[in-house]
């Protein structure tokens, strides 16, 4: 109650990153913000053990991800060449057209600057944030593995301490 009212001793929160493996070796990074590591670590470990291969050591999967700014713009009758030229002119590092959206990649420090410049040109984003982008992907073919990976992601995202879940599942 004291914490909610802002009086008394406020707990200090810390950012904690957990790395592990899901079904069939899918790399999983869990970004958490917690006031109690002794509560969060066992919860994440339990979910990774239950639905995947388990919690790993620091750095066991992060080497296979790149930290990038990711800006997603829904297509909505936009011309691909125009969006690509605008993105590159604003300082984007890469551009990928996809089925229903355009994905623009930036350096992590440039994400806000590029997003502001694109916003100034009238673009509306589905999202614009710094993410861990996998260098390669793992395709799951077994129905049980797919079901467990879906359960793992849902359970991690339902945890109040978990801020983001990154994985290389295709």
C-alpha atoms as a PDB file:
ATOM      1  CA  UNK A   1       0.000   0.000   0.000  1.00  0.00           C
ATOM      2  CA  UNK A   2       2.848   2.355   0.870  1.00  0.00           C
ATOM      3  CA  UNK A   3       4.470   1.726  -2.494  1.00  0.00           C
ATOM      4  CA  UNK A   4       1.211   2.370  -4.348  1.00  0.00           C
ATOM      5  CA  UNK A   5       0.657   5.632  -2.478  1.00  0.00           C
ATOM      6  CA  UNK A   6       4.230   6.734  -3.011  1.00  0.00           C
ATOM      7  CA  UNK A   7       4.991   7.027   0.673  1.00  0.00           C
ATOM      8  CA  UNK A   8       7.477   5.084   2.717  1.00  0.00           C
ATOM      9  CA  UNK A   9      10.403   3.176   1.261  1.00  0.00           C
ATOM     10  CA  UNK A  10       9.897   2.529  -2.432  1.00  0.00           C
ATOM     11  CA  UNK A  11      11.433  -0.691  -3.700  1.00  0.00           C
ATOM     12  CA  UNK A  12      14.154  -0.364  -6.258  1.00  0.00           C
ATOM     13  CA  UNK A  13      13.521  -2.110  -9.537  1.00  0.00           C
ATOM     14  CA  UNK A  14      16.247  -3.583 -11.682  1.00  0.00           C
ATOM     15  CA  UNK A  15      16.371  -4.780 -15.245  1.00  0.00           C
ATOM     16  CA  UNK A  16      17.290  -8.470 -15.475  1.00  0.00           C
ATOM     17  CA  UNK A  17      17.837 -10.494 -18.648  1.00  0.00           C
ATOM     18  CA  UNK A  18      17.355 -14.267 -18.659  1.00  0.00           C
ATOM     19  CA  UNK A  19      18.463 -16.479 -21.536  1.00  0.00           C
ATOM     20  CA  UNK A  20      17.459 -20.020 -22.310  1.00  0.00           C
ATOM     21  CA  UNK A  21      16.156 -22.493 -24.805  1.00  0.00           C
ATOM     22  CA  UNK A  22      12.634 -23.351 -25.844  1.00  0.00           C
ATOM     23  CA  UNK A  23      11.534 -26.524 -27.637  1.00  0.00           C
ATOM     24  CA  UNK A  24      13.943 -27.853 -30.303  1.00  0.00           C
ATOM     25  CA  UNK A  25      16.632 -25.373 -29.298  1.00  0.00           C
ATOM     26  CA  UNK A  26      14.727 -22.152 -30.013  1.00  0.00           C
ATOM     27  CA  UNK A  27      16.723 -19.308 -28.433  1.00  0.00           C
ATOM     28  CA  UNK A  28      14.725 -17.254 -25.912  1.00  0.00           C
ATOM     29  CA  UNK A  29      15.657 -13.955 -24.247  1.00  0.00           C
ATOM     30  CA  UNK A  30      13.445 -12.704 -21.429  1.00  0.00           C
ATOM     31  CA  UNK A  31      13.774  -9.046 -20.440  1.00  0.00           C
ATOM     32  CA  UNK A  32      12.349  -8.480 -16.956  1.00  0.00           C
ATOM     33  CA  UNK A  33      11.972  -5.541 -14.588  1.00  0.00           C
ATOM     34  CA  UNK A  34      11.769  -6.807 -11.034  1.00  0.00           C
ATOM     35  CA  UNK A  35      11.989  -5.703  -7.437  1.00  0.00           C
ATOM     36  CA  UNK A  36      12.816  -9.250  -6.349  1.00  0.00           C
ATOM     37  CA  UNK A  37      15.228 -11.428  -8.343  1.00  0.00           C
ATOM     38  CA  UNK A  38      14.557 -14.298  -5.933  1.00  0.00           C
ATOM     39  CA  UNK A  39      10.963 -14.421  -7.150  1.00  0.00           C
ATOM     40  CA  UNK A  40      11.442 -13.743 -10.866  1.00  0.00           C
ATOM     41  CA  UNK A  41      14.361 -16.091 -11.622  1.00  0.00           C
ATOM     42  CA  UNK A  42      12.612 -19.260 -10.362  1.00  0.00           C
ATOM     43  CA  UNK A  43       9.413 -18.346 -12.213  1.00  0.00           C
ATOM     44  CA  UNK A  44      11.273 -17.882 -15.514  1.00  0.00           C
ATOM     45  CA  UNK A  45      13.370 -21.016 -14.886  1.00  0.00           C
ATOM     46  CA  UNK A  46      10.209 -23.049 -14.175  1.00  0.00           C
ATOM     47  CA  UNK A  47       8.534 -21.949 -17.420  1.00  0.00           C
ATOM     48  CA  UNK A  48      11.624 -22.625 -19.523  1.00  0.00           C
ATOM     49  CA  UNK A  49      12.031 -26.064 -17.884  1.00  0.00           C
ATOM     50  CA  UNK A  50       8.346 -26.922 -18.297  1.00  0.00           C
ATOM     51  CA  UNK A  51       7.893 -25.891 -21.930  1.00  0.00           C
ATOM     52  CA  UNK A  52      11.439 -25.859 -23.299  1.00  0.00           C
ATOM     53  CA  UNK A  53      15.000 -26.985 -22.702  1.00  0.00           C
ATOM     54  CA  UNK A  54      15.653 -24.738 -19.694  1.00  0.00           C
ATOM     55  CA  UNK A  55      17.380 -21.617 -18.458  1.00  0.00           C
ATOM     56  CA  UNK A  56      20.905 -21.057 -19.718  1.00  0.00           C
ATOM     57  CA  UNK A  57      23.912 -19.070 -18.598  1.00  0.00           C
ATOM     58  CA  UNK A  58      24.260 -15.378 -19.358  1.00  0.00           C
ATOM     59  CA  UNK A  59      25.323 -14.969 -22.978  1.00  0.00           C
ATOM     60  CA  UNK A  60      24.279 -18.462 -24.095  1.00  0.00           C
ATOM     61  CA  UNK A  61      21.855 -17.152 -26.742  1.00  0.00           C
ATOM     62  CA  UNK A  62      22.341 -13.367 -26.852  1.00  0.00           C
ATOM     63  CA  UNK A  63      25.271 -13.770 -29.241  1.00  0.00           C
ATOM     64  CA  UNK A  64      22.788 -14.873 -31.914  1.00  0.00           C
ATOM     65  CA  UNK A  65      20.719 -11.672 -31.640  1.00  0.00           C
ATOM     66  CA  UNK A  66      21.458  -8.106 -32.723  1.00  0.00           C
ATOM     67  CA  UNK A  67      20.160  -5.069 -30.865  1.00  0.00           C
ATOM     68  CA  UNK A  68      18.397  -2.874 -33.450  1.00  0.00           C
ATOM     69  CA  UNK A  69      15.808  -0.180 -33.698  1.00  0.00           C
ATOM     70  CA  UNK A  70      12.715  -1.635 -35.377  1.00  0.00           C
ATOM     71  CA  UNK A  71      10.056   0.605 -36.910  1.00  0.00           C
ATOM     72  CA  UNK A  72       6.977  -1.057 -38.408  1.00  0.00           C
ATOM     73  CA  UNK A  73       4.678   0.796 -40.789  1.00  0.00           C
ATOM     74  CA  UNK A  74       1.491  -0.842 -42.068  1.00  0.00           C
ATOM     75  CA  UNK A  75       1.288  -0.819 -45.887  1.00  0.00           C
ATOM     76  CA  UNK A  76      -2.133   0.868 -46.249  1.00  0.00           C
ATOM     77  CA  UNK A  77      -1.732   1.830 -49.944  1.00  0.00           C
ATOM     78  CA  UNK A  78       1.782   3.206 -49.442  1.00  0.00           C
ATOM     79  CA  UNK A  79       4.294   3.019 -52.275  1.00  0.00           C
ATOM     80  CA  UNK A  80       7.219   0.745 -51.351  1.00  0.00           C
ATOM     81  CA  UNK A  81       9.857   2.790 -53.173  1.00  0.00           C
ATOM     82  CA  UNK A  82       8.699   6.047 -51.584  1.00  0.00           C
ATOM     83  CA  UNK A  83       8.689   4.581 -48.073  1.00  0.00           C
ATOM     84  CA  UNK A  84      12.119   3.017 -48.627  1.00  0.00           C
ATOM     85  CA  UNK A  85      13.651   6.276 -49.905  1.00  0.00           C
ATOM     86  CA  UNK A  86      12.090   8.285 -47.058  1.00  0.00           C
ATOM     87  CA  UNK A  87      13.357   5.774 -44.484  1.00  0.00           C
ATOM     88  CA  UNK A  88      16.886   5.750 -45.882  1.00  0.00           C
ATOM     89  CA  UNK A  89      16.908   9.562 -46.159  1.00  0.00           C
ATOM     90  CA  UNK A  90      15.912   9.750 -42.469  1.00  0.00           C
ATOM     91  CA  UNK A  91      18.894   7.584 -41.450  1.00  0.00           C
ATOM     92  CA  UNK A  92      17.544   4.027 -41.496  1.00  0.00           C
ATOM     93  CA  UNK A  93      20.113   1.231 -41.819  1.00  0.00           C
ATOM     94  CA  UNK A  94      17.897  -1.292 -43.604  1.00  0.00           C
ATOM     95  CA  UNK A  95      14.416  -1.694 -45.073  1.00  0.00           C
ATOM     96  CA  UNK A  96      12.375  -4.876 -45.565  1.00  0.00           C
ATOM     97  CA  UNK A  97       8.994  -4.993 -47.280  1.00  0.00           C
ATOM     98  CA  UNK A  98       6.775  -7.718 -45.857  1.00  0.00           C
ATOM     99  CA  UNK A  99       3.341  -9.038 -46.681  1.00  0.00           C
ATOM    100  CA  UNK A 100       1.291  -6.422 -44.827  1.00  0.00           C
ATOM    101  CA  UNK A 101       3.894  -3.987 -43.485  1.00  0.00           C
ATOM    102  CA  UNK A 102       7.273  -2.362 -43.990  1.00  0.00           C
ATOM    103  CA  UNK A 103       9.986  -3.057 -41.428  1.00  0.00           C
ATOM    104  CA  UNK A 104      12.665  -0.417 -41.033  1.00  0.00           C
ATOM    105  CA  UNK A 105      15.853  -1.188 -39.089  1.00  0.00           C
ATOM    106  CA  UNK A 106      18.072   1.422 -37.453  1.00  0.00           C
ATOM    107  CA  UNK A 107      21.015   1.541 -35.117  1.00  0.00           C
ATOM    108  CA  UNK A 108      19.695   1.383 -31.522  1.00  0.00           C
ATOM    109  CA  UNK A 109      20.711   4.981 -30.749  1.00  0.00           C
ATOM    110  CA  UNK A 110      19.110   6.297 -33.956  1.00  0.00           C
ATOM    111  CA  UNK A 111      15.671   4.729 -33.514  1.00  0.00           C
ATOM    112  CA  UNK A 112      14.036   7.792 -31.929  1.00  0.00           C
ATOM    113  CA  UNK A 113      15.610  10.211 -34.405  1.00  0.00           C
ATOM    114  CA  UNK A 114      14.554   8.162 -37.447  1.00  0.00           C
ATOM    115  CA  UNK A 115      11.044   7.621 -36.032  1.00  0.00           C
ATOM    116  CA  UNK A 116      10.628  11.372 -35.403  1.00  0.00           C
ATOM    117  CA  UNK A 117      11.827  12.216 -38.915  1.00  0.00           C
ATOM    118  CA  UNK A 118       9.428   9.685 -40.471  1.00  0.00           C
ATOM    119  CA  UNK A 119       6.599  10.934 -38.275  1.00  0.00           C
ATOM    120  CA  UNK A 120       7.339  14.429 -39.583  1.00  0.00           C
ATOM    121  CA  UNK A 121       6.801  13.079 -43.101  1.00  0.00           C
ATOM    122  CA  UNK A 122       3.330  11.853 -42.078  1.00  0.00           C
ATOM    123  CA  UNK A 123       3.967   8.166 -41.405  1.00  0.00           C
ATOM    124  CA  UNK A 124       2.058   6.350 -38.663  1.00  0.00           C
ATOM    125  CA  UNK A 125       3.756   3.424 -36.927  1.00  0.00           C
ATOM    126  CA  UNK A 126       2.399   0.114 -35.718  1.00  0.00           C
ATOM    127  CA  UNK A 127       5.465   0.099 -33.429  1.00  0.00           C
ATOM    128  CA  UNK A 128       8.825   1.810 -33.043  1.00  0.00           C
ATOM    129  CA  UNK A 129      11.233   0.443 -30.450  1.00  0.00           C
ATOM    130  CA  UNK A 130      14.638  -1.079 -29.841  1.00  0.00           C
ATOM    131  CA  UNK A 131      14.482  -4.891 -29.991  1.00  0.00           C
ATOM    132  CA  UNK A 132      16.690  -7.954 -30.028  1.00  0.00           C
ATOM    133  CA  UNK A 133      16.517  -9.207 -33.633  1.00  0.00           C
ATOM    134  CA  UNK A 134      17.626 -12.808 -34.300  1.00  0.00           C
ATOM    135  CA  UNK A 135      20.405 -13.423 -36.806  1.00  0.00           C
ATOM    136  CA  UNK A 136      18.816 -16.725 -37.850  1.00  0.00           C
ATOM    137  CA  UNK A 137      15.534 -18.516 -37.243  1.00  0.00           C
ATOM    138  CA  UNK A 138      14.477 -21.996 -36.139  1.00  0.00           C
ATOM    139  CA  UNK A 139      11.459 -23.574 -37.824  1.00  0.00           C
ATOM    140  CA  UNK A 140       9.404 -25.883 -35.643  1.00  0.00           C
ATOM    141  CA  UNK A 141       7.646 -28.739 -37.438  1.00  0.00           C
ATOM    142  CA  UNK A 142       6.508 -30.963 -34.557  1.00  0.00           C
ATOM    143  CA  UNK A 143       2.989 -30.075 -33.354  1.00  0.00           C
ATOM    144  CA  UNK A 144       3.994 -30.680 -29.721  1.00  0.00           C
ATOM    145  CA  UNK A 145       6.957 -28.304 -30.013  1.00  0.00           C
ATOM    146  CA  UNK A 146       4.779 -25.620 -31.592  1.00  0.00           C
ATOM    147  CA  UNK A 147       2.171 -25.994 -28.839  1.00  0.00           C
ATOM    148  CA  UNK A 148       4.857 -25.817 -26.107  1.00  0.00           C
ATOM    149  CA  UNK A 149       6.488 -22.750 -27.693  1.00  0.00           C
ATOM    150  CA  UNK A 150       3.140 -20.977 -27.833  1.00  0.00           C
ATOM    151  CA  UNK A 151       2.474 -21.873 -24.184  1.00  0.00           C
ATOM    152  CA  UNK A 152       5.966 -20.721 -23.181  1.00  0.00           C
ATOM    153  CA  UNK A 153       5.570 -17.327 -24.848  1.00  0.00           C
ATOM    154  CA  UNK A 154       2.062 -16.838 -23.415  1.00  0.00           C
ATOM    155  CA  UNK A 155       3.146 -17.823 -19.896  1.00  0.00           C
ATOM    156  CA  UNK A 156       6.204 -15.557 -19.975  1.00  0.00           C
ATOM    157  CA  UNK A 157       4.182 -12.615 -21.292  1.00  0.00           C
ATOM    158  CA  UNK A 158       1.579 -13.177 -18.547  1.00  0.00           C
ATOM    159  CA  UNK A 159       4.263 -12.745 -15.861  1.00  0.00           C
ATOM    160  CA  UNK A 160       4.013  -9.246 -14.357  1.00  0.00           C
ATOM    161  CA  UNK A 161       7.799  -8.826 -14.189  1.00  0.00           C
ATOM    162  CA  UNK A 162       8.458  -9.752 -17.830  1.00  0.00           C
ATOM    163  CA  UNK A 163       8.718  -6.736 -20.126  1.00  0.00           C
ATOM    164  CA  UNK A 164       9.721  -8.389 -23.424  1.00  0.00           C
ATOM    165  CA  UNK A 165      10.239 -11.885 -24.802  1.00  0.00           C
ATOM    166  CA  UNK A 166      12.526 -12.295 -27.812  1.00  0.00           C
ATOM    167  CA  UNK A 167      12.988 -15.574 -29.678  1.00  0.00           C
ATOM    168  CA  UNK A 168      14.224 -16.926 -32.985  1.00  0.00           C
ATOM    169  CA  UNK A 169      11.175 -19.071 -33.763  1.00  0.00           C
ATOM    170  CA  UNK A 170      10.182 -18.597 -37.398  1.00  0.00           C
END
